[in-house]
Amino acid sequence: MNLSEDILFYAFRYTLGRMTYAVSTVAQEIILHAHELHPRTRDTMIMEIRKAIAYNVAGMDVDRKQWEEVLAKLNEIETGS
């Protein structure tokens, strides 16, 4: 099955800040496909995750940790490290 970047982004927008088991699934899919995302999509995700964490609206602690993992992966690709 091919995963549409648009669908993954919509799922990201839906789950960021929510307290749901879906965060884990979406976060893992983003990490898995991070290298395939358009740079603009990665930049938007990075910005929105940083903002959610800074304003303490990224979800429960377990969710925030997942978003921090996503952020680390996206930053790794952006910086090439």
PDB file of N, CA and C in Angstrom:
ATOM      1  N   MET A   1       0.842  -1.175   0.000  1.00  0.00           N
ATOM      2  CA  MET A   1       0.000   0.000   0.000  1.00  0.00           C
ATOM      3  C   MET A   1       0.891   1.243   0.000  1.00  0.00           C
ATOM      4  N   ASN A   2       0.612   2.160  -0.859  1.00  0.00           N
ATOM      5  CA  ASN A   2       1.314   3.437  -0.873  1.00  0.00           C
ATOM      6  C   ASN A   2       0.611   4.403   0.063  1.00  0.00           C
ATOM      7  N   LEU A   3       1.397   5.103   0.845  1.00  0.00           N
ATOM      8  CA  LEU A   3       0.855   6.073   1.779  1.00  0.00           C
ATOM      9  C   LEU A   3       0.957   7.458   1.153  1.00  0.00           C
ATOM     10  N   SER A   4      -0.168   8.121   1.025  1.00  0.00           N
ATOM     11  CA  SER A   4      -0.195   9.461   0.453  1.00  0.00           C
ATOM     12  C   SER A   4       0.389  10.467   1.439  1.00  0.00           C
ATOM     13  N   GLU A   5       1.256  11.337   0.954  1.00  0.00           N
ATOM     14  CA  GLU A   5       1.819  12.375   1.817  1.00  0.00           C
ATOM     15  C   GLU A   5       0.715  13.262   2.372  1.00  0.00           C
ATOM     16  N   ASP A   6      -0.280  13.549   1.563  1.00  0.00           N
ATOM     17  CA  ASP A   6      -1.390  14.382   2.035  1.00  0.00           C
ATOM     18  C   ASP A   6      -2.123  13.719   3.192  1.00  0.00           C
ATOM     19  N   ILE A   7      -2.420  12.435   3.063  1.00  0.00           N
ATOM     20  CA  ILE A   7      -3.125  11.723   4.124  1.00  0.00           C
ATOM     21  C   ILE A   7      -2.279  11.685   5.397  1.00  0.00           C
ATOM     22  N   LEU A   8      -0.983  11.459   5.239  1.00  0.00           N
ATOM     23  CA  LEU A   8      -0.099  11.440   6.407  1.00  0.00           C
ATOM     24  C   LEU A   8      -0.076  12.813   7.083  1.00  0.00           C
ATOM     25  N   PHE A   9      -0.063  13.875   6.296  1.00  0.00           N
ATOM     26  CA  PHE A   9      -0.069  15.217   6.865  1.00  0.00           C
ATOM     27  C   PHE A   9      -1.394  15.498   7.575  1.00  0.00           C
ATOM     28  N   TYR A  10      -2.507  15.089   6.979  1.00  0.00           N
ATOM     29  CA  TYR A  10      -3.813  15.286   7.632  1.00  0.00           C
ATOM     30  C   TYR A  10      -3.866  14.522   8.951  1.00  0.00           C
ATOM     31  N   ALA A  11      -3.327  13.313   8.956  1.00  0.00           N
ATOM     32  CA  ALA A  11      -3.294  12.507  10.181  1.00  0.00           C
ATOM     33  C   ALA A  11      -2.415  13.187  11.227  1.00  0.00           C
ATOM     34  N   PHE A  12      -1.289  13.750  10.798  1.00  0.00           N
ATOM     35  CA  PHE A  12      -0.416  14.502  11.693  1.00  0.00           C
ATOM     36  C   PHE A  12      -1.181  15.654  12.329  1.00  0.00           C
ATOM     37  N   ARG A  13      -1.849  16.448  11.495  1.00  0.00           N
ATOM     38  CA  ARG A  13      -2.599  17.590  11.998  1.00  0.00           C
ATOM     39  C   ARG A  13      -3.701  17.151  12.964  1.00  0.00           C
ATOM     40  N   TYR A  14      -4.337  16.038  12.669  1.00  0.00           N
ATOM     41  CA  TYR A  14      -5.406  15.537  13.532  1.00  0.00           C
ATOM     42  C   TYR A  14      -4.867  15.080  14.888  1.00  0.00           C
ATOM     43  N   THR A  15      -3.738  14.392  14.891  1.00  0.00           N
ATOM     44  CA  THR A  15      -3.271  13.766  16.129  1.00  0.00           C
ATOM     45  C   THR A  15      -2.394  14.663  16.992  1.00  0.00           C
ATOM     46  N   LEU A  16      -1.732  15.656  16.411  1.00  0.00           N
ATOM     47  CA  LEU A  16      -0.871  16.523  17.211  1.00  0.00           C
ATOM     48  C   LEU A  16      -1.721  17.246  18.251  1.00  0.00           C
ATOM     49  N   GLY A  17      -1.420  16.983  19.510  1.00  0.00           N
ATOM     50  CA  GLY A  17      -2.140  17.622  20.598  1.00  0.00           C
ATOM     51  C   GLY A  17      -3.301  16.824  21.147  1.00  0.00           C
ATOM     52  N   ARG A  18      -3.635  15.735  20.493  1.00  0.00           N
ATOM     53  CA  ARG A  18      -4.733  14.908  20.985  1.00  0.00           C
ATOM     54  C   ARG A  18      -4.194  13.813  21.888  1.00  0.00           C
ATOM     55  N   MET A  19      -5.053  13.338  22.757  1.00  0.00           N
ATOM     56  CA  MET A  19      -4.688  12.244  23.649  1.00  0.00           C
ATOM     57  C   MET A  19      -5.375  10.983  23.135  1.00  0.00           C
ATOM     58  N   THR A  20      -4.701  10.311  22.223  1.00  0.00           N
ATOM     59  CA  THR A  20      -5.266   9.143  21.573  1.00  0.00           C
ATOM     60  C   THR A  20      -4.146   8.172  21.220  1.00  0.00           C
ATOM     61  N   TYR A  21      -4.490   6.904  21.175  1.00  0.00           N
ATOM     62  CA  TYR A  21      -3.505   5.893  20.785  1.00  0.00           C
ATOM     63  C   TYR A  21      -3.041   6.088  19.347  1.00  0.00           C
ATOM     64  N   ALA A  22      -3.787   6.840  18.558  1.00  0.00           N
ATOM     65  CA  ALA A  22      -3.427   7.071  17.155  1.00  0.00           C
ATOM     66  C   ALA A  22      -2.121   7.844  17.019  1.00  0.00           C
ATOM     67  N   VAL A  23      -1.734   8.590  18.046  1.00  0.00           N
ATOM     68  CA  VAL A  23      -0.478   9.345  17.992  1.00  0.00           C
ATOM     69  C   VAL A  23       0.679   8.402  17.690  1.00  0.00           C
ATOM     70  N   SER A  24       0.713   7.279  18.354  1.00  0.00           N
ATOM     71  CA  SER A  24       1.796   6.316  18.162  1.00  0.00           C
ATOM     72  C   SER A  24       1.873   5.855  16.711  1.00  0.00           C
ATOM     73  N   THR A  25       0.742   5.512  16.146  1.00  0.00           N
ATOM     74  CA  THR A  25       0.702   5.030  14.759  1.00  0.00           C
ATOM     75  C   THR A  25       1.161   6.114  13.792  1.00  0.00           C
ATOM     76  N   VAL A  26       0.628   7.312  13.949  1.00  0.00           N
ATOM     77  CA  VAL A  26       0.968   8.411  13.039  1.00  0.00           C
ATOM     78  C   VAL A  26       2.440   8.790  13.193  1.00  0.00           C
ATOM     79  N   ALA A  27       2.907   8.883  14.427  1.00  0.00           N
ATOM     80  CA  ALA A  27       4.311   9.235  14.663  1.00  0.00           C
ATOM     81  C   ALA A  27       5.241   8.219  14.001  1.00  0.00           C
ATOM     82  N   GLN A  28       4.950   6.947  14.149  1.00  0.00           N
ATOM     83  CA  GLN A  28       5.798   5.913  13.546  1.00  0.00           C
ATOM     84  C   GLN A  28       5.768   5.970  12.021  1.00  0.00           C
ATOM     85  N   GLU A  29       4.622   6.276  11.448  1.00  0.00           N
ATOM     86  CA  GLU A  29       4.530   6.394   9.986  1.00  0.00           C
ATOM     87  C   GLU A  29       5.319   7.600   9.481  1.00  0.00           C
ATOM     88  N   ILE A  30       5.268   8.699  10.229  1.00  0.00           N
ATOM     89  CA  ILE A  30       6.051   9.870   9.835  1.00  0.00           C
ATOM     90  C   ILE A  30       7.534   9.538   9.896  1.00  0.00           C
ATOM     91  N   ILE A  31       7.968   8.905  10.969  1.00  0.00           N
ATOM     92  CA  ILE A  31       9.381   8.520  11.096  1.00  0.00           C
ATOM     93  C   ILE A  31       9.780   7.590   9.955  1.00  0.00           C
ATOM     94  N   LEU A  32       8.933   6.628   9.654  1.00  0.00           N
ATOM     95  CA  LEU A  32       9.218   5.661   8.597  1.00  0.00           C
ATOM     96  C   LEU A  32       9.330   6.315   7.222  1.00  0.00           C
ATOM     97  N   HIS A  33       8.506   7.314   6.977  1.00  0.00           N
ATOM     98  CA  HIS A  33       8.453   7.938   5.649  1.00  0.00           C
ATOM     99  C   HIS A  33       9.044   9.344   5.616  1.00  0.00           C
ATOM    100  N   ALA A  34       9.725   9.753   6.671  1.00  0.00           N
ATOM    101  CA  ALA A  34      10.240  11.124   6.762  1.00  0.00           C
ATOM    102  C   ALA A  34      11.108  11.509   5.570  1.00  0.00           C
ATOM    103  N   HIS A  35      11.919  10.584   5.112  1.00  0.00           N
ATOM    104  CA  HIS A  35      12.818  10.880   3.987  1.00  0.00           C
ATOM    105  C   HIS A  35      12.073  11.088   2.669  1.00  0.00           C
ATOM    106  N   GLU A  36      10.814  10.656   2.606  1.00  0.00           N
ATOM    107  CA  GLU A  36      10.023  10.796   1.385  1.00  0.00           C
ATOM    108  C   GLU A  36       9.198  12.081   1.367  1.00  0.00           C
ATOM    109  N   LEU A  37       9.109  12.759   2.498  1.00  0.00           N
ATOM    110  CA  LEU A  37       8.271  13.948   2.585  1.00  0.00           C
ATOM    111  C   LEU A  37       8.910  15.131   1.875  1.00  0.00           C
ATOM    112  N   HIS A  38       8.078  15.945   1.278  1.00  0.00           N
ATOM    113  CA  HIS A  38       8.532  17.178   0.639  1.00  0.00           C
ATOM    114  C   HIS A  38       9.148  18.069   1.722  1.00  0.00           C
ATOM    115  N   PRO A  39      10.237  18.755   1.417  1.00  0.00           N
ATOM    116  CA  PRO A  39      10.877  19.615   2.425  1.00  0.00           C
ATOM    117  C   PRO A  39       9.911  20.609   3.081  1.00  0.00           C
ATOM    118  N   ARG A  40       8.988  21.139   2.327  1.00  0.00           N
ATOM    119  CA  ARG A  40       8.023  22.084   2.898  1.00  0.00           C
ATOM    120  C   ARG A  40       7.128  21.396   3.927  1.00  0.00           C
ATOM    121  N   THR A  41       6.756  20.144   3.658  1.00  0.00           N
ATOM    122  CA  THR A  41       5.955  19.382   4.614  1.00  0.00           C
ATOM    123  C   THR A  41       6.757  19.127   5.878  1.00  0.00           C
ATOM    124  N   ARG A  42       8.008  18.725   5.720  1.00  0.00           N
ATOM    125  CA  ARG A  42       8.871  18.510   6.897  1.00  0.00           C
ATOM    126  C   ARG A  42       9.022  19.787   7.708  1.00  0.00           C
ATOM    127  N   ASP A  43       9.268  20.910   7.031  1.00  0.00           N
ATOM    128  CA  ASP A  43       9.423  22.186   7.728  1.00  0.00           C
ATOM    129  C   ASP A  43       8.170  22.553   8.513  1.00  0.00           C
ATOM    130  N   THR A  44       7.015  22.341   7.921  1.00  0.00           N
ATOM    131  CA  THR A  44       5.748  22.648   8.589  1.00  0.00           C
ATOM    132  C   THR A  44       5.564  21.762   9.808  1.00  0.00           C
ATOM    133  N   MET A  45       5.848  20.481   9.660  1.00  0.00           N
ATOM    134  CA  MET A  45       5.730  19.569  10.795  1.00  0.00           C
ATOM    135  C   MET A  45       6.681  19.973  11.921  1.00  0.00           C
ATOM    136  N   ILE A  46       7.918  20.290  11.574  1.00  0.00           N
ATOM    137  CA  ILE A  46       8.902  20.715  12.573  1.00  0.00           C
ATOM    138  C   ILE A  46       8.387  21.937  13.329  1.00  0.00           C
ATOM    139  N   MET A  47       7.919  22.928  12.589  1.00  0.00           N
ATOM    140  CA  MET A  47       7.425  24.157  13.204  1.00  0.00           C
ATOM    141  C   MET A  47       6.238  23.878  14.133  1.00  0.00           C
ATOM    142  N   GLU A  48       5.293  23.063  13.669  1.00  0.00           N
ATOM    143  CA  GLU A  48       4.098  22.805  14.458  1.00  0.00           C
ATOM    144  C   GLU A  48       4.382  21.945  15.682  1.00  0.00           C
ATOM    145  N   ILE A  49       5.286  20.985  15.562  1.00  0.00           N
ATOM    146  CA  ILE A  49       5.660  20.168  16.728  1.00  0.00           C
ATOM    147  C   ILE A  49       6.377  21.036  17.754  1.00  0.00           C
ATOM    148  N   ARG A  50       7.312  21.853  17.312  1.00  0.00           N
ATOM    149  CA  ARG A  50       8.021  22.741  18.240  1.00  0.00           C
ATOM    150  C   ARG A  50       7.049  23.651  18.982  1.00  0.00           C
ATOM    151  N   LYS A  51       6.106  24.201  18.253  1.00  0.00           N
ATOM    152  CA  LYS A  51       5.118  25.098  18.855  1.00  0.00           C
ATOM    153  C   LYS A  51       4.254  24.356  19.871  1.00  0.00           C
ATOM    154  N   ALA A  52       3.795  23.165  19.511  1.00  0.00           N
ATOM    155  CA  ALA A  52       2.959  22.376  20.422  1.00  0.00           C
ATOM    156  C   ALA A  52       3.711  22.023  21.699  1.00  0.00           C
ATOM    157  N   ILE A  53       4.976  21.677  21.569  1.00  0.00           N
ATOM    158  CA  ILE A  53       5.788  21.344  22.740  1.00  0.00           C
ATOM    159  C   ILE A  53       6.027  22.600  23.583  1.00  0.00           C
ATOM    160  N   ALA A  54       6.365  23.707  22.936  1.00  0.00           N
ATOM    161  CA  ALA A  54       6.654  24.952  23.651  1.00  0.00           C
ATOM    162  C   ALA A  54       5.441  25.443  24.444  1.00  0.00           C
ATOM    163  N   TYR A  55       4.245  25.272  23.873  1.00  0.00           N
ATOM    164  CA  TYR A  55       3.025  25.727  24.532  1.00  0.00           C
ATOM    165  C   TYR A  55       2.368  24.630  25.375  1.00  0.00           C
ATOM    166  N   ASN A  56       3.078  23.512  25.501  1.00  0.00           N
ATOM    167  CA  ASN A  56       2.604  22.377  26.304  1.00  0.00           C
ATOM    168  C   ASN A  56       1.226  21.877  25.858  1.00  0.00           C
ATOM    169  N   VAL A  57       1.047  21.795  24.544  1.00  0.00           N
ATOM    170  CA  VAL A  57      -0.214  21.295  23.991  1.00  0.00           C
ATOM    171  C   VAL A  57       0.024  20.127  23.027  1.00  0.00           C
ATOM    172  N   ALA A  58       1.097  19.382  23.266  1.00  0.00           N
ATOM    173  CA  ALA A  58       1.433  18.259  22.384  1.00  0.00           C
ATOM    174  C   ALA A  58       0.764  16.961  22.820  1.00  0.00           C
ATOM    175  N   GLY A  59      -0.072  17.018  23.850  1.00  0.00           N
ATOM    176  CA  GLY A  59      -0.723  15.813  24.354  1.00  0.00           C
ATOM    177  C   GLY A  59      -0.131  15.406  25.689  1.00  0.00           C
ATOM    178  N   MET A  60      -0.428  14.188  26.085  1.00  0.00           N
ATOM    179  CA  MET A  60       0.101  13.666  27.345  1.00  0.00           C
ATOM    180  C   MET A  60       1.617  13.456  27.208  1.00  0.00           C
ATOM    181  N   ASP A  61       2.276  13.182  28.324  1.00  0.00           N
ATOM    182  CA  ASP A  61       3.732  12.993  28.302  1.00  0.00           C
ATOM    183  C   ASP A  61       4.164  11.941  27.293  1.00  0.00           C
ATOM    184  N   VAL A  62       3.448  10.837  27.252  1.00  0.00           N
ATOM    185  CA  VAL A  62       3.800   9.764  26.309  1.00  0.00           C
ATOM    186  C   VAL A  62       3.670  10.256  24.865  1.00  0.00           C
ATOM    187  N   ASP A  63       2.665  11.093  24.599  1.00  0.00           N
ATOM    188  CA  ASP A  63       2.485  11.642  23.252  1.00  0.00           C
ATOM    189  C   ASP A  63       3.594  12.639  22.931  1.00  0.00           C
ATOM    190  N   ARG A  64       3.905  13.505  23.889  1.00  0.00           N
ATOM    191  CA  ARG A  64       4.960  14.485  23.689  1.00  0.00           C
ATOM    192  C   ARG A  64       6.285  13.790  23.358  1.00  0.00           C
ATOM    193  N   LYS A  65       6.563  12.699  24.044  1.00  0.00           N
ATOM    194  CA  LYS A  65       7.803  11.951  23.777  1.00  0.00           C
ATOM    195  C   LYS A  65       7.816  11.417  22.342  1.00  0.00           C
ATOM    196  N   GLN A  66       6.665  10.970  21.883  1.00  0.00           N
ATOM    197  CA  GLN A  66       6.585  10.476  20.498  1.00  0.00           C
ATOM    198  C   GLN A  66       6.834  11.614  19.511  1.00  0.00           C
ATOM    199  N   TRP A  67       6.247  12.791  19.807  1.00  0.00           N
ATOM    200  CA  TRP A  67       6.453  13.928  18.906  1.00  0.00           C
ATOM    201  C   TRP A  67       7.899  14.391  18.941  1.00  0.00           C
ATOM    202  N   GLU A  68       8.552  14.266  20.087  1.00  0.00           N
ATOM    203  CA  GLU A  68       9.975  14.606  20.164  1.00  0.00           C
ATOM    204  C   GLU A  68      10.803  13.665  19.295  1.00  0.00           C
ATOM    205  N   GLU A  69      10.413  12.397  19.230  1.00  0.00           N
ATOM    206  CA  GLU A  69      11.103  11.441  18.354  1.00  0.00           C
ATOM    207  C   GLU A  69      10.897  11.810  16.892  1.00  0.00           C
ATOM    208  N   VAL A  70       9.672  12.189  16.545  1.00  0.00           N
ATOM    209  CA  VAL A  70       9.385  12.622  15.174  1.00  0.00           C
ATOM    210  C   VAL A  70      10.219  13.852  14.848  1.00  0.00           C
ATOM    211  N   LEU A  71      10.245  14.807  15.758  1.00  0.00           N
ATOM    212  CA  LEU A  71      11.011  16.030  15.564  1.00  0.00           C
ATOM    213  C   LEU A  71      12.481  15.722  15.345  1.00  0.00           C
ATOM    214  N   ALA A  72      13.032  14.819  16.133  1.00  0.00           N
ATOM    215  CA  ALA A  72      14.438  14.442  15.979  1.00  0.00           C
ATOM    216  C   ALA A  72      14.693  13.850  14.595  1.00  0.00           C
ATOM    217  N   LYS A  73      13.810  12.989  14.134  1.00  0.00           N
ATOM    218  CA  LYS A  73      13.981  12.367  12.813  1.00  0.00           C
ATOM    219  C   LYS A  73      13.879  13.412  11.706  1.00  0.00           C
ATOM    220  N   LEU A  74      12.885  14.286  11.795  1.00  0.00           N
ATOM    221  CA  LEU A  74      12.723  15.320  10.774  1.00  0.00           C
ATOM    222  C   LEU A  74      13.921  16.261  10.751  1.00  0.00           C
ATOM    223  N   ASN A  75      14.411  16.636  11.929  1.00  0.00           N
ATOM    224  CA  ASN A  75      15.592  17.501  12.007  1.00  0.00           C
ATOM    225  C   ASN A  75      16.824  16.806  11.442  1.00  0.00           C
ATOM    226  N   GLU A  76      16.938  15.509  11.702  1.00  0.00           N
ATOM    227  CA  GLU A  76      18.072  14.728  11.176  1.00  0.00           C
ATOM    228  C   GLU A  76      18.097  14.781   9.653  1.00  0.00           C
ATOM    229  N   ILE A  77      16.941  14.659   9.046  1.00  0.00           N
ATOM    230  CA  ILE A  77      16.872  14.705   7.588  1.00  0.00           C
ATOM    231  C   ILE A  77      17.129  16.114   7.074  1.00  0.00           C
ATOM    232  N   GLU A  78      16.570  17.103   7.757  1.00  0.00           N
ATOM    233  CA  GLU A  78      16.760  18.485   7.334  1.00  0.00           C
ATOM    234  C   GLU A  78      18.218  18.910   7.384  1.00  0.00           C
ATOM    235  N   THR A  79      18.920  18.469   8.418  1.00  0.00           N
ATOM    236  CA  THR A  79      20.313  18.883   8.588  1.00  0.00           C
ATOM    237  C   THR A  79      21.292  17.933   7.905  1.00  0.00           C
ATOM    238  N   GLY A  80      20.785  16.773   7.492  1.00  0.00           N
ATOM    239  CA  GLY A  80      21.654  15.812   6.815  1.00  0.00           C
ATOM    240  C   GLY A  80      22.577  15.056   7.742  1.00  0.00           C
ATOM    241  N   SER A  81      22.243  15.060   9.040  1.00  0.00           N
ATOM    242  CA  SER A  81      23.125  14.337   9.973  1.00  0.00           C
ATOM    243  C   SER A  81      22.599  12.983  10.319  1.00  0.00           C
TER     244      SER A  81
END
